[in-house]
Protein backbone atom coordinates (compact mmCIF):
# COMPACT_ATOMS: atom_id res chain seq x y z
CA UNK A 1 -5.67 29.37 -198.94
CA UNK A 2 -3.08 30.44 -201.53
CA UNK A 3 -5.63 29.88 -204.30
CA UNK A 4 -8.16 32.13 -202.53
CA UNK A 5 -5.59 34.91 -202.08
CA UNK A 6 -4.47 34.59 -205.71
CA UNK A 7 -8.10 34.72 -206.85
CA UNK A 8 -8.77 37.85 -204.75
CA UNK A 9 -5.64 39.54 -206.10
CA UNK A 10 -6.64 38.81 -209.71
CA UNK A 11 -10.22 39.95 -209.03
CA UNK A 12 -8.97 43.21 -207.50
CA UNK A 13 -6.74 43.87 -210.51
CA UNK A 14 -9.54 43.18 -212.98
CA UNK A 15 -12.06 45.35 -211.15
CA UNK A 16 -9.64 48.27 -211.00
CA UNK A 17 -8.82 48.17 -214.73
CA UNK A 18 -10.34 50.97 -216.74
CA UNK A 19 -11.33 53.13 -213.80
CA UNK A 20 -10.15 56.70 -213.73
CA UNK A 21 -8.09 57.61 -210.74
CA UNK A 22 -8.71 61.06 -209.35
CA UNK A 23 -5.78 63.09 -208.18
CA UNK A 24 -6.35 64.92 -204.97
CA UNK A 25 -4.92 68.40 -204.86
CA UNK A 26 -3.54 70.06 -201.78
CA UNK A 27 -5.98 72.52 -200.29
CA UNK A 28 -9.08 70.63 -201.41
CA UNK A 29 -10.47 73.30 -203.79
CA UNK A 30 -9.60 74.20 -207.32
CA UNK A 31 -11.35 76.63 -209.64
CA UNK A 32 -10.76 76.50 -213.35
CA UNK A 33 -12.10 79.37 -215.46
CA UNK A 34 -10.52 78.19 -218.68
CA UNK A 35 -13.67 76.77 -220.36
CA UNK A 36 -14.78 79.06 -223.13
CA UNK A 37 -18.36 78.98 -224.32
CA UNK A 38 -18.87 78.75 -228.04
CA UNK A 39 -21.92 78.72 -230.26
CA UNK A 40 -21.54 74.97 -230.84
CA UNK A 41 -21.31 74.28 -227.10
CA UNK A 42 -24.36 76.36 -226.41
CA UNK A 43 -26.38 74.41 -228.93
CA UNK A 44 -25.10 71.07 -227.59
CA UNK A 45 -25.86 71.99 -223.98
CA UNK A 46 -29.58 72.00 -224.63
CA UNK A 47 -30.08 75.76 -224.60
CA UNK A 48 -31.97 76.65 -227.78
CA UNK A 49 -30.75 79.27 -230.22
CA UNK A 50 -33.83 81.15 -231.43
CA UNK A 51 -33.22 84.48 -233.10
CA UNK A 52 -36.97 85.09 -233.52
CA UNK A 53 -37.67 84.94 -229.78
CA UNK A 54 -38.05 88.50 -228.46
CA UNK A 55 -38.55 87.42 -224.86
CA UNK A 56 -41.03 88.63 -222.28
CA UNK A 57 -40.98 92.28 -221.31
CA UNK A 58 -41.38 95.84 -222.49
CA UNK A 59 -39.05 95.66 -225.50
CA UNK A 60 -40.72 94.60 -228.74
CA UNK A 61 -38.33 96.15 -231.25
CA UNK A 62 -34.69 97.24 -231.23
CA UNK A 63 -33.08 98.95 -234.19
CA UNK A 64 -29.30 98.81 -234.27
CA UNK A 65 -27.65 101.31 -236.56
CA UNK A 66 -25.13 100.23 -239.16
CA UNK A 67 -22.37 101.80 -237.07
CA UNK A 68 -21.84 101.26 -233.36
CA UNK A 69 -22.68 104.33 -231.30
CA UNK A 70 -19.36 104.63 -229.44
CA UNK A 71 -20.65 107.10 -226.85
CA UNK A 72 -23.60 104.87 -225.98
CA UNK A 73 -21.33 101.80 -225.96
CA UNK A 74 -18.97 103.54 -223.51
CA UNK A 75 -21.88 104.24 -221.14
CA UNK A 76 -22.96 100.60 -221.54
CA UNK A 77 -19.46 99.33 -220.87
CA UNK A 78 -19.32 101.29 -217.62
CA UNK A 79 -22.71 99.85 -216.54
CA UNK A 80 -21.62 96.34 -217.57
CA UNK A 81 -18.39 96.59 -215.59
CA UNK A 82 -20.20 97.99 -212.55
CA UNK A 83 -23.03 95.46 -212.29
CA UNK A 84 -22.73 92.59 -214.77
CA UNK A 85 -19.17 91.37 -214.20
CA UNK A 86 -20.17 89.81 -210.90
CA UNK A 87 -21.76 87.01 -212.97
CA UNK A 88 -20.68 87.48 -216.61
CA UNK A 89 -17.33 87.60 -218.35
CA UNK A 90 -16.79 88.55 -221.97
CA UNK A 91 -15.09 85.35 -223.21
CA UNK A 92 -15.74 82.80 -220.49
CA UNK A 93 -18.58 81.10 -218.68
CA UNK A 94 -18.90 82.11 -215.09
CA UNK A 95 -22.05 82.18 -212.98
CA UNK A 96 -23.77 83.24 -216.20
CA UNK A 97 -22.95 82.80 -219.89
CA UNK A 98 -20.13 84.54 -221.73
CA UNK A 99 -21.34 87.69 -223.45
CA UNK A 100 -19.14 87.64 -226.55
CA UNK A 101 -21.25 86.75 -229.58
CA UNK A 102 -24.53 87.04 -227.69
CA UNK A 103 -26.26 88.44 -230.78
CA UNK A 104 -25.36 85.26 -232.66
CA UNK A 105 -27.49 83.35 -230.11
CA UNK A 106 -30.17 85.85 -229.03
CA UNK A 107 -32.17 88.67 -230.57
CA UNK A 108 -31.47 92.22 -229.33
CA UNK A 109 -35.03 92.38 -227.96
CA UNK A 110 -34.47 89.17 -225.98
CA UNK A 111 -31.22 90.53 -224.52
CA UNK A 112 -32.83 93.81 -223.44
CA UNK A 113 -35.88 92.04 -222.01
CA UNK A 114 -33.57 89.76 -220.01
CA UNK A 115 -31.77 92.81 -218.65
CA UNK A 116 -35.00 94.68 -217.83
CA UNK A 117 -37.30 91.82 -216.83
CA UNK A 118 -35.29 88.81 -215.63
CA UNK A 119 -38.05 87.65 -213.25
CA UNK A 120 -40.68 87.49 -215.99
CA UNK A 121 -38.24 85.96 -218.45
CA UNK A 122 -37.25 83.20 -216.02
CA UNK A 123 -40.91 82.39 -215.39
CA UNK A 124 -42.17 82.45 -218.99
CA UNK A 125 -39.39 82.35 -221.60
CA UNK A 126 -38.19 78.89 -222.72
CA UNK A 127 -34.62 80.05 -223.44
CA UNK A 128 -34.32 81.80 -220.07
CA UNK A 129 -35.63 78.65 -218.37
CA UNK A 130 -33.06 76.51 -220.22
CA UNK A 131 -30.27 78.91 -219.23
CA UNK A 132 -31.42 78.79 -215.62
CA UNK A 133 -31.14 75.01 -215.68
CA UNK A 134 -27.79 75.11 -217.51
CA UNK A 135 -26.31 77.51 -214.95
CA UNK A 136 -27.33 75.54 -211.85
CA UNK A 137 -30.43 77.61 -211.06
CA UNK A 138 -28.37 80.78 -210.62
CA UNK A 139 -31.01 83.44 -211.21
CA UNK A 140 -30.28 86.73 -212.86
CA UNK A 141 -31.20 89.50 -210.47
CA UNK A 142 -33.13 92.55 -211.58
CA UNK A 143 -30.70 95.47 -211.53
CA UNK A 144 -33.56 97.96 -212.02
CA UNK A 145 -31.94 99.59 -215.04
CA UNK A 146 -33.82 102.09 -217.14
CA UNK A 147 -34.55 101.28 -220.78
CA UNK A 148 -31.83 103.80 -221.73
CA UNK A 149 -29.27 102.01 -219.54
CA UNK A 150 -30.29 98.62 -220.94
CA UNK A 151 -30.00 99.98 -224.47
CA UNK A 152 -26.51 101.28 -223.67
CA UNK A 153 -25.48 97.83 -222.34
CA UNK A 154 -26.96 96.27 -225.48
CA UNK A 155 -24.87 98.64 -227.61
CA UNK A 156 -21.73 97.73 -225.64
CA UNK A 157 -22.43 94.02 -226.20
CA UNK A 158 -22.28 94.70 -229.95
CA UNK A 159 -18.62 95.69 -229.54
CA UNK A 160 -17.58 92.32 -228.10
């Protein structure tokens, strides 16, 4: 009997080696918003970076001036803070991707088409589909912005 107990004790010790033990926190829920999205993470997460993709929608060409239009950017910032911050933060992932450096990952046309036509983009655009998968099928809702409002938001995103 002692041999059986000794064998079971050794077996239990061996089987528990190497396993990670999870610490349970009081309250049962913890939210950590400290993960920052970077260009390298985006590429490694399976979401393609394609600067030639203009997306699906009404915008086929966007010309950014050499200088940021500060008045337009201010209007865009107000729109962004009013409707976009429910899902997007500047420097951190949230329900949707972080917006800082978006023009290093997406073309201006793609960004505006995503703002203006999220339904069509999610149905037809490969990058939008990959983002949908990456962000747990959290769809971007159509905010029914005008092209002028979307352009103002696009200008604000240049300032980030």
